[in-house]
PDB file of N, CA and C in Angstrom:
ATOM      1  N   MET A   1       0.875  -1.129   0.013  1.00  0.00           N
ATOM      2  CA  MET A   1       0.019   0.061   0.003  1.00  0.00           C
ATOM      3  C   MET A   1       0.889   1.209  -0.007  1.00  0.00           C
ATOM      4  N   SER A   2       0.656   2.119  -1.013  1.00  0.00           N
ATOM      5  CA  SER A   2       1.456   3.371  -1.031  1.00  0.00           C
ATOM      6  C   SER A   2       0.741   4.527  -0.287  1.00  0.00           C
ATOM      7  N   ARG A   3       1.610   5.446   0.147  1.00  0.00           N
ATOM      8  CA  ARG A   3       1.033   6.651   0.826  1.00  0.00           C
ATOM      9  C   ARG A   3       1.328   7.854  -0.028  1.00  0.00           C
ATOM     10  N   LEU A   4       0.411   8.781  -0.089  1.00  0.00           N
ATOM     11  CA  LEU A   4       0.597  10.004  -0.905  1.00  0.00           C
ATOM     12  C   LEU A   4       1.391  10.956   0.057  1.00  0.00           C
ATOM     13  N   THR A   5       2.425  11.570  -0.606  1.00  0.00           N
ATOM     14  CA  THR A   5       3.109  12.560   0.257  1.00  0.00           C
ATOM     15  C   THR A   5       2.877  13.928  -0.468  1.00  0.00           C
ATOM     16  N   SER A   6       3.459  15.033   0.079  1.00  0.00           N
ATOM     17  CA  SER A   6       3.190  16.380  -0.423  1.00  0.00           C
ATOM     18  C   SER A   6       3.614  16.564  -1.864  1.00  0.00           C
ATOM     19  N   HIS A   7       4.568  15.730  -2.349  1.00  0.00           N
ATOM     20  CA  HIS A   7       4.935  15.980  -3.720  1.00  0.00           C
ATOM     21  C   HIS A   7       4.185  15.139  -4.756  1.00  0.00           C
ATOM     22  N   HIS A   8       3.181  14.472  -4.313  1.00  0.00           N
ATOM     23  CA  HIS A   8       2.294  13.756  -5.307  1.00  0.00           C
ATOM     24  C   HIS A   8       1.149  14.674  -5.798  1.00  0.00           C
ATOM     25  N   VAL A   9       0.778  14.555  -6.948  1.00  0.00           N
ATOM     26  CA  VAL A   9      -0.287  15.338  -7.487  1.00  0.00           C
ATOM     27  C   VAL A   9      -1.465  14.411  -7.813  1.00  0.00           C
ATOM     28  N   VAL A  10      -2.555  14.697  -7.143  1.00  0.00           N
ATOM     29  CA  VAL A  10      -3.822  13.865  -7.436  1.00  0.00           C
ATOM     30  C   VAL A  10      -4.690  14.702  -8.362  1.00  0.00           C
ATOM     31  N   ARG A  11      -5.122  14.185  -9.486  1.00  0.00           N
ATOM     32  CA  ARG A  11      -6.040  14.781 -10.274  1.00  0.00           C
ATOM     33  C   ARG A  11      -7.318  13.960 -10.535  1.00  0.00           C
ATOM     34  N   ALA A  12      -8.350  14.717 -10.417  1.00  0.00           N
ATOM     35  CA  ALA A  12      -9.705  14.029 -10.601  1.00  0.00           C
ATOM     36  C   ALA A  12     -10.414  14.620 -11.875  1.00  0.00           C
ATOM     37  N   LEU A  13     -10.997  13.889 -12.647  1.00  0.00           N
ATOM     38  CA  LEU A  13     -11.748  14.303 -13.832  1.00  0.00           C
ATOM     39  C   LEU A  13     -13.245  13.832 -13.675  1.00  0.00           C
ATOM     40  N   CYS A  14     -14.137  14.875 -13.734  1.00  0.00           N
ATOM     41  CA  CYS A  14     -15.517  14.537 -13.635  1.00  0.00           C
ATOM     42  C   CYS A  14     -16.168  15.187 -14.816  1.00  0.00           C
ATOM     43  N   THR A  15     -17.011  14.405 -15.516  1.00  0.00           N
ATOM     44  CA  THR A  15     -17.742  14.913 -16.626  1.00  0.00           C
ATOM     45  C   THR A  15     -19.193  14.752 -16.403  1.00  0.00           C
ATOM     46  N   LEU A  16     -19.938  15.819 -16.540  1.00  0.00           N
ATOM     47  CA  LEU A  16     -21.386  15.718 -16.360  1.00  0.00           C
ATOM     48  C   LEU A  16     -22.083  15.903 -17.635  1.00  0.00           C
ATOM     49  N   ASP A  17     -23.127  15.200 -17.847  1.00  0.00           N
ATOM     50  CA  ASP A  17     -23.966  15.232 -18.988  1.00  0.00           C
ATOM     51  C   ASP A  17     -25.349  15.556 -18.491  1.00  0.00           C
ATOM     52  N   LEU A  18     -25.713  16.859 -18.527  1.00  0.00           N
ATOM     53  CA  LEU A  18     -26.990  17.291 -17.926  1.00  0.00           C
ATOM     54  C   LEU A  18     -27.882  17.831 -19.046  1.00  0.00           C
ATOM     55  N   PRO A  19     -29.098  17.285 -19.207  1.00  0.00           N
ATOM     56  CA  PRO A  19     -30.033  17.875 -20.169  1.00  0.00           C
ATOM     57  C   PRO A  19     -30.640  19.179 -19.551  1.00  0.00           C
ATOM     58  N   PHE A  20     -30.834  20.153 -20.440  1.00  0.00           N
ATOM     59  CA  PHE A  20     -31.625  21.300 -19.970  1.00  0.00           C
ATOM     60  C   PHE A  20     -32.382  21.852 -21.134  1.00  0.00           C
ATOM     61  N   ARG A  21     -33.339  22.690 -20.825  1.00  0.00           N
ATOM     62  CA  ARG A  21     -34.254  23.199 -21.899  1.00  0.00           C
ATOM     63  C   ARG A  21     -34.244  24.704 -21.699  1.00  0.00           C
ATOM     64  N   LEU A  22     -34.073  25.461 -22.815  1.00  0.00           N
ATOM     65  CA  LEU A  22     -34.145  26.851 -22.762  1.00  0.00           C
ATOM     66  C   LEU A  22     -35.491  27.338 -23.223  1.00  0.00           C
ATOM     67  N   GLU A  23     -36.092  28.383 -22.683  1.00  0.00           N
ATOM     68  CA  GLU A  23     -37.388  28.942 -23.054  1.00  0.00           C
ATOM     69  C   GLU A  23     -37.142  30.253 -23.677  1.00  0.00           C
ATOM     70  N   LYS A  24     -37.786  30.552 -24.780  1.00  0.00           N
ATOM     71  CA  LYS A  24     -37.717  31.901 -25.341  1.00  0.00           C
ATOM     72  C   LYS A  24     -38.334  32.947 -24.447  1.00  0.00           C
ATOM     73  N   ASP A  25     -37.598  34.050 -24.348  1.00  0.00           N
ATOM     74  CA  ASP A  25     -38.125  35.183 -23.596  1.00  0.00           C
ATOM     75  C   ASP A  25     -38.405  36.342 -24.545  1.00  0.00           C
ATOM     76  N   ALA A  26     -39.554  36.656 -24.886  1.00  0.00           N
ATOM     77  CA  ALA A  26     -39.891  37.680 -25.796  1.00  0.00           C
ATOM     78  C   ALA A  26     -39.452  39.076 -25.389  1.00  0.00           C
ATOM     79  N   GLY A  27     -39.315  39.339 -24.092  1.00  0.00           N
ATOM     80  CA  GLY A  27     -38.814  40.602 -23.642  1.00  0.00           C
ATOM     81  C   GLY A  27     -37.381  40.813 -23.544  1.00  0.00           C
ATOM     82  N   ALA A  28     -36.503  39.747 -23.731  1.00  0.00           N
ATOM     83  CA  ALA A  28     -35.161  39.833 -23.535  1.00  0.00           C
ATOM     84  C   ALA A  28     -34.425  40.846 -24.575  1.00  0.00           C
ATOM     85  N   PRO A  29     -34.813  40.867 -25.866  1.00  0.00           N
ATOM     86  CA  PRO A  29     -34.138  41.733 -26.774  1.00  0.00           C
ATOM     87  C   PRO A  29     -34.279  43.242 -26.337  1.00  0.00           C
ATOM     88  N   GLU A  30     -35.542  43.479 -25.931  1.00  0.00           N
ATOM     89  CA  GLU A  30     -35.773  44.959 -25.515  1.00  0.00           C
ATOM     90  C   GLU A  30     -35.020  45.294 -24.229  1.00  0.00           C
ATOM     91  N   ARG A  31     -34.925  44.357 -23.270  1.00  0.00           N
ATOM     92  CA  ARG A  31     -34.084  44.615 -22.094  1.00  0.00           C
ATOM     93  C   ARG A  31     -32.616  44.821 -22.395  1.00  0.00           C
ATOM     94  N   ALA A  32     -32.132  43.936 -23.300  1.00  0.00           N
ATOM     95  CA  ALA A  32     -30.821  44.160 -23.758  1.00  0.00           C
ATOM     96  C   ALA A  32     -30.503  45.443 -24.436  1.00  0.00           C
ATOM     97  N   ARG A  33     -31.460  45.921 -25.253  1.00  0.00           N
ATOM     98  CA  ARG A  33     -31.344  47.225 -25.912  1.00  0.00           C
ATOM     99  C   ARG A  33     -31.293  48.347 -24.857  1.00  0.00           C
ATOM    100  N   GLU A  34     -32.196  48.217 -23.851  1.00  0.00           N
ATOM    101  CA  GLU A  34     -32.303  49.244 -22.809  1.00  0.00           C
ATOM    102  C   GLU A  34     -30.941  49.285 -21.991  1.00  0.00           C
ATOM    103  N   CYS A  35     -30.439  48.182 -21.694  1.00  0.00           N
ATOM    104  CA  CYS A  35     -29.105  48.092 -20.944  1.00  0.00           C
ATOM    105  C   CYS A  35     -28.020  48.758 -21.781  1.00  0.00           C
ATOM    106  N   LEU A  36     -28.038  48.530 -23.047  1.00  0.00           N
ATOM    107  CA  LEU A  36     -26.978  49.198 -23.997  1.00  0.00           C
ATOM    108  C   LEU A  36     -27.170  50.656 -23.971  1.00  0.00           C
ATOM    109  N   ARG A  37     -28.427  51.103 -24.123  1.00  0.00           N
ATOM    110  CA  ARG A  37     -28.721  52.496 -24.112  1.00  0.00           C
ATOM    111  C   ARG A  37     -28.259  53.195 -22.805  1.00  0.00           C
ATOM    112  N   GLN A  38     -28.498  52.524 -21.673  1.00  0.00           N
ATOM    113  CA  GLN A  38     -28.046  53.030 -20.407  1.00  0.00           C
ATOM    114  C   GLN A  38     -26.508  53.154 -20.332  1.00  0.00           C
ATOM    115  N   ARG A  39     -25.845  52.067 -20.836  1.00  0.00           N
ATOM    116  CA  ARG A  39     -24.343  52.129 -20.873  1.00  0.00           C
ATOM    117  C   ARG A  39     -23.845  53.277 -21.763  1.00  0.00           C
ATOM    118  N   ARG A  40     -24.376  53.486 -22.919  1.00  0.00           N
ATOM    119  CA  ARG A  40     -24.005  54.519 -23.752  1.00  0.00           C
ATOM    120  C   ARG A  40     -24.170  55.881 -23.154  1.00  0.00           C
ATOM    121  N   ALA A  41     -25.274  55.999 -22.368  1.00  0.00           N
ATOM    122  CA  ALA A  41     -25.543  57.350 -21.742  1.00  0.00           C
ATOM    123  C   ALA A  41     -24.740  57.579 -20.527  1.00  0.00           C
ATOM    124  N   THR A  42     -24.152  56.617 -19.846  1.00  0.00           N
ATOM    125  CA  THR A  42     -23.466  56.761 -18.603  1.00  0.00           C
ATOM    126  C   THR A  42     -22.049  56.426 -18.549  1.00  0.00           C
ATOM    127  N   GLN A  43     -21.492  55.772 -19.621  1.00  0.00           N
ATOM    128  CA  GLN A  43     -20.091  55.331 -19.620  1.00  0.00           C
ATOM    129  C   GLN A  43     -19.336  55.741 -20.865  1.00  0.00           C
ATOM    130  N   PRO A  44     -18.120  56.054 -20.708  1.00  0.00           N
ATOM    131  CA  PRO A  44     -17.330  56.508 -21.807  1.00  0.00           C
ATOM    132  C   PRO A  44     -16.891  55.358 -22.676  1.00  0.00           C
ATOM    133  N   LEU A  45     -17.728  54.875 -23.547  1.00  0.00           N
ATOM    134  CA  LEU A  45     -17.444  53.713 -24.339  1.00  0.00           C
ATOM    135  C   LEU A  45     -16.422  53.872 -25.344  1.00  0.00           C
ATOM    136  N   ALA A  46     -16.126  55.104 -25.769  1.00  0.00           N
ATOM    137  CA  ALA A  46     -15.052  55.317 -26.834  1.00  0.00           C
ATOM    138  C   ALA A  46     -13.678  55.315 -26.228  1.00  0.00           C
ATOM    139  N   GLU A  47     -13.563  55.455 -24.836  1.00  0.00           N
ATOM    140  CA  GLU A  47     -12.300  55.512 -24.197  1.00  0.00           C
ATOM    141  C   GLU A  47     -11.925  54.100 -23.712  1.00  0.00           C
ATOM    142  N   ARG A  48     -10.566  53.881 -23.447  1.00  0.00           N
ATOM    143  CA  ARG A  48     -10.128  52.615 -22.905  1.00  0.00           C
ATOM    144  C   ARG A  48     -10.536  52.616 -21.450  1.00  0.00           C
ATOM    145  N   SER A  49     -11.048  51.524 -20.954  1.00  0.00           N
ATOM    146  CA  SER A  49     -11.508  51.431 -19.630  1.00  0.00           C
ATOM    147  C   SER A  49     -11.459  49.964 -19.055  1.00  0.00           C
ATOM    148  N   VAL A  50     -11.221  49.842 -17.740  1.00  0.00           N
ATOM    149  CA  VAL A  50     -11.312  48.499 -17.157  1.00  0.00           C
ATOM    150  C   VAL A  50     -12.655  48.366 -16.438  1.00  0.00           C
ATOM    151  N   GLY A  51     -13.462  49.311 -16.682  1.00  0.00           N
ATOM    152  CA  GLY A  51     -14.731  49.274 -16.044  1.00  0.00           C
ATOM    153  C   GLY A  51     -14.691  49.965 -14.583  1.00  0.00           C
ATOM    154  N   CYS A  52     -15.710  49.797 -13.915  1.00  0.00           N
ATOM    155  CA  CYS A  52     -15.732  50.428 -12.542  1.00  0.00           C
ATOM    156  C   CYS A  52     -15.107  49.531 -11.590  1.00  0.00           C
ATOM    157  N   VAL A  53     -14.087  50.050 -10.914  1.00  0.00           N
ATOM    158  CA  VAL A  53     -13.359  49.191  -9.936  1.00  0.00           C
ATOM    159  C   VAL A  53     -13.637  49.626  -8.501  1.00  0.00           C
ATOM    160  N   PHE A  54     -14.529  50.628  -8.329  1.00  0.00           N
ATOM    161  CA  PHE A  54     -14.859  51.211  -6.995  1.00  0.00           C
ATOM    162  C   PHE A  54     -16.091  50.563  -6.495  1.00  0.00           C
ATOM    163  N   ARG A  55     -16.066  50.092  -5.294  1.00  0.00           N
ATOM    164  CA  ARG A  55     -17.195  49.561  -4.580  1.00  0.00           C
ATOM    165  C   ARG A  55     -17.696  50.626  -3.667  1.00  0.00           C
ATOM    166  N   ASN A  56     -19.093  50.688  -3.603  1.00  0.00           N
ATOM    167  CA  ASN A  56     -19.666  51.553  -2.557  1.00  0.00           C
ATOM    168  C   ASN A  56     -19.401  51.002  -1.205  1.00  0.00           C
ATOM    169  N   PRO A  57     -19.014  51.843  -0.217  1.00  0.00           N
ATOM    170  CA  PRO A  57     -18.724  51.364   1.084  1.00  0.00           C
ATOM    171  C   PRO A  57     -19.711  50.481   1.816  1.00  0.00           C
ATOM    172  N   GLY A  58     -21.024  50.807   1.597  1.00  0.00           N
ATOM    173  CA  GLY A  58     -22.062  50.037   2.317  1.00  0.00           C
ATOM    174  C   GLY A  58     -23.181  50.958   2.726  1.00  0.00           C
ATOM    175  N   PRO A  59     -24.274  50.369   3.277  1.00  0.00           N
ATOM    176  CA  PRO A  59     -25.333  51.116   3.783  1.00  0.00           C
ATOM    177  C   PRO A  59     -24.980  52.226   4.793  1.00  0.00           C
ATOM    178  N   GLY A  60     -25.503  53.433   4.599  1.00  0.00           N
ATOM    179  CA  GLY A  60     -25.228  54.519   5.584  1.00  0.00           C
ATOM    180  C   GLY A  60     -23.955  55.244   5.250  1.00  0.00           C
ATOM    181  N   ALA A  61     -23.120  54.767   4.329  1.00  0.00           N
ATOM    182  CA  ALA A  61     -21.842  55.545   4.039  1.00  0.00           C
ATOM    183  C   ALA A  61     -22.066  56.294   2.722  1.00  0.00           C
ATOM    184  N   GLN A  62     -21.219  57.213   2.446  1.00  0.00           N
ATOM    185  CA  GLN A  62     -21.207  57.979   1.171  1.00  0.00           C
ATOM    186  C   GLN A  62     -20.916  56.974   0.049  1.00  0.00           C
ATOM    187  N   SER A  63     -21.465  57.225  -1.140  1.00  0.00           N
ATOM    188  CA  SER A  63     -21.111  56.381  -2.288  1.00  0.00           C
ATOM    189  C   SER A  63     -19.681  56.642  -2.756  1.00  0.00           C
ATOM    190  N   ALA A  64     -19.113  55.694  -3.546  1.00  0.00           N
ATOM    191  CA  ALA A  64     -17.778  55.774  -4.079  1.00  0.00           C
ATOM    192  C   ALA A  64     -17.726  57.070  -4.930  1.00  0.00           C
ATOM    193  N   GLY A  65     -18.800  57.358  -5.718  1.00  0.00           N
ATOM    194  CA  GLY A  65     -18.739  58.530  -6.484  1.00  0.00           C
ATOM    195  C   GLY A  65     -18.645  59.787  -5.704  1.00  0.00           C
ATOM    196  N   ALA A  66     -19.348  59.909  -4.583  1.00  0.00           N
ATOM    197  CA  ALA A  66     -19.362  61.053  -3.699  1.00  0.00           C
ATOM    198  C   ALA A  66     -17.972  61.151  -3.156  1.00  0.00           C
ATOM    199  N   LEU A  67     -17.356  60.096  -2.689  1.00  0.00           N
ATOM    200  CA  LEU A  67     -15.969  60.193  -2.135  1.00  0.00           C
ATOM    201  C   LEU A  67     -14.993  60.628  -3.118  1.00  0.00           C
ATOM    202  N   ILE A  68     -15.099  60.179  -4.373  1.00  0.00           N
ATOM    203  CA  ILE A  68     -14.216  60.631  -5.449  1.00  0.00           C
ATOM    204  C   ILE A  68     -14.400  62.072  -5.748  1.00  0.00           C
ATOM    205  N   ASP A  69     -15.619  62.477  -5.721  1.00  0.00           N
ATOM    206  CA  ASP A  69     -15.935  64.044  -5.879  1.00  0.00           C
ATOM    207  C   ASP A  69     -15.367  64.825  -4.789  1.00  0.00           C
ATOM    208  N   ARG A  70     -15.568  64.374  -3.574  1.00  0.00           N
ATOM    209  CA  ARG A  70     -14.967  65.097  -2.368  1.00  0.00           C
ATOM    210  C   ARG A  70     -13.486  65.141  -2.308  1.00  0.00           C
ATOM    211  N   SER A  71     -12.838  64.096  -2.915  1.00  0.00           N
ATOM    212  CA  SER A  71     -11.300  64.106  -2.920  1.00  0.00           C
ATOM    213  C   SER A  71     -10.813  64.975  -4.008  1.00  0.00           C
ATOM    214  N   GLY A  72     -11.608  65.429  -4.932  1.00  0.00           N
ATOM    215  CA  GLY A  72     -11.173  66.267  -5.974  1.00  0.00           C
ATOM    216  C   GLY A  72     -10.576  65.515  -7.126  1.00  0.00           C
ATOM    217  N   LEU A  73     -10.719  64.187  -7.153  1.00  0.00           N
ATOM    218  CA  LEU A  73     -10.154  63.381  -8.208  1.00  0.00           C
ATOM    219  C   LEU A  73     -11.025  63.119  -9.403  1.00  0.00           C
ATOM    220  N   LYS A  74     -12.329  63.528  -9.376  1.00  0.00           N
ATOM    221  CA  LYS A  74     -13.129  63.268 -10.553  1.00  0.00           C
ATOM    222  C   LYS A  74     -12.521  64.033 -11.791  1.00  0.00           C
ATOM    223  N   GLY A  75     -12.356  63.176 -12.878  1.00  0.00           N
ATOM    224  CA  GLY A  75     -11.747  63.775 -14.073  1.00  0.00           C
ATOM    225  C   GLY A  75     -10.209  63.823 -14.062  1.00  0.00           C
ATOM    226  N   LYS A  76      -9.600  63.442 -12.884  1.00  0.00           N
ATOM    227  CA  LYS A  76      -8.108  63.340 -12.724  1.00  0.00           C
ATOM    228  C   LYS A  76      -7.719  61.848 -12.460  1.00  0.00           C
ATOM    229  N   ALA A  77      -6.505  61.593 -12.569  1.00  0.00           N
ATOM    230  CA  ALA A  77      -5.974  60.301 -12.140  1.00  0.00           C
ATOM    231  C   ALA A  77      -6.745  59.132 -12.800  1.00  0.00           C
ATOM    232  N   GLN A  78      -7.216  59.382 -13.947  1.00  0.00           N
ATOM    233  CA  GLN A  78      -7.823  58.390 -14.809  1.00  0.00           C
ATOM    234  C   GLN A  78      -9.194  57.951 -14.179  1.00  0.00           C
ATOM    235  N   VAL A  79      -9.772  58.886 -13.451  1.00  0.00           N
ATOM    236  CA  VAL A  79     -11.153  58.628 -12.920  1.00  0.00           C
ATOM    237  C   VAL A  79     -12.109  59.277 -13.947  1.00  0.00           C
ATOM    238  N   SER A  80     -12.950  58.453 -14.460  1.00  0.00           N
ATOM    239  CA  SER A  80     -13.932  58.984 -15.490  1.00  0.00           C
ATOM    240  C   SER A  80     -14.848  59.994 -15.000  1.00  0.00           C
ATOM    241  N   LEU A  81     -15.202  60.968 -15.874  1.00  0.00           N
ATOM    242  CA  LEU A  81     -16.189  61.995 -15.536  1.00  0.00           C
ATOM    243  C   LEU A  81     -17.530  61.427 -15.583  1.00  0.00           C
ATOM    244  N   THR A  82     -17.828  60.384 -16.377  1.00  0.00           N
ATOM    245  CA  THR A  82     -19.155  59.850 -16.495  1.00  0.00           C
ATOM    246  C   THR A  82     -19.471  58.522 -15.807  1.00  0.00           C
ATOM    247  N   ALA A  83     -18.502  57.757 -15.463  1.00  0.00           N
ATOM    248  CA  ALA A  83     -18.778  56.446 -14.911  1.00  0.00           C
ATOM    249  C   ALA A  83     -18.656  56.234 -13.404  1.00  0.00           C
ATOM    250  N   PRO A  84     -18.103  57.176 -12.572  1.00  0.00           N
ATOM    251  CA  PRO A  84     -18.044  56.792 -11.159  1.00  0.00           C
ATOM    252  C   PRO A  84     -19.412  56.360 -10.597  1.00  0.00           C
ATOM    253  N   ARG A  85     -19.398  55.470  -9.696  1.00  0.00           N
ATOM    254  CA  ARG A  85     -20.642  55.028  -9.054  1.00  0.00           C
ATOM    255  C   ARG A  85     -21.299  56.134  -8.288  1.00  0.00           C
ATOM    256  N   GLN A  86     -22.561  56.273  -8.465  1.00  0.00           N
ATOM    257  CA  GLN A  86     -23.269  57.412  -7.804  1.00  0.00           C
ATOM    258  C   GLN A  86     -23.995  56.818  -6.551  1.00  0.00           C
TER     259      GLN A  86
END
């Protein structure tokens, strides 16, 4: 009987075959268009961006956007004028 030591690598492979069924959602295209309209209105899509990396601190605290405004960094230091969380 062999014992595994810290230098042994154990790999497991598991394959699942699960059937599922999709249902057509007639409202999905309009919701997708509305999301895109909202993005175009609030985010600088023509500029390079990694997206929003700021999290709001939590209930009862000022939003990340308010803190950025208060710090004087809005529009500076690569902080977008249109995308900070409000």
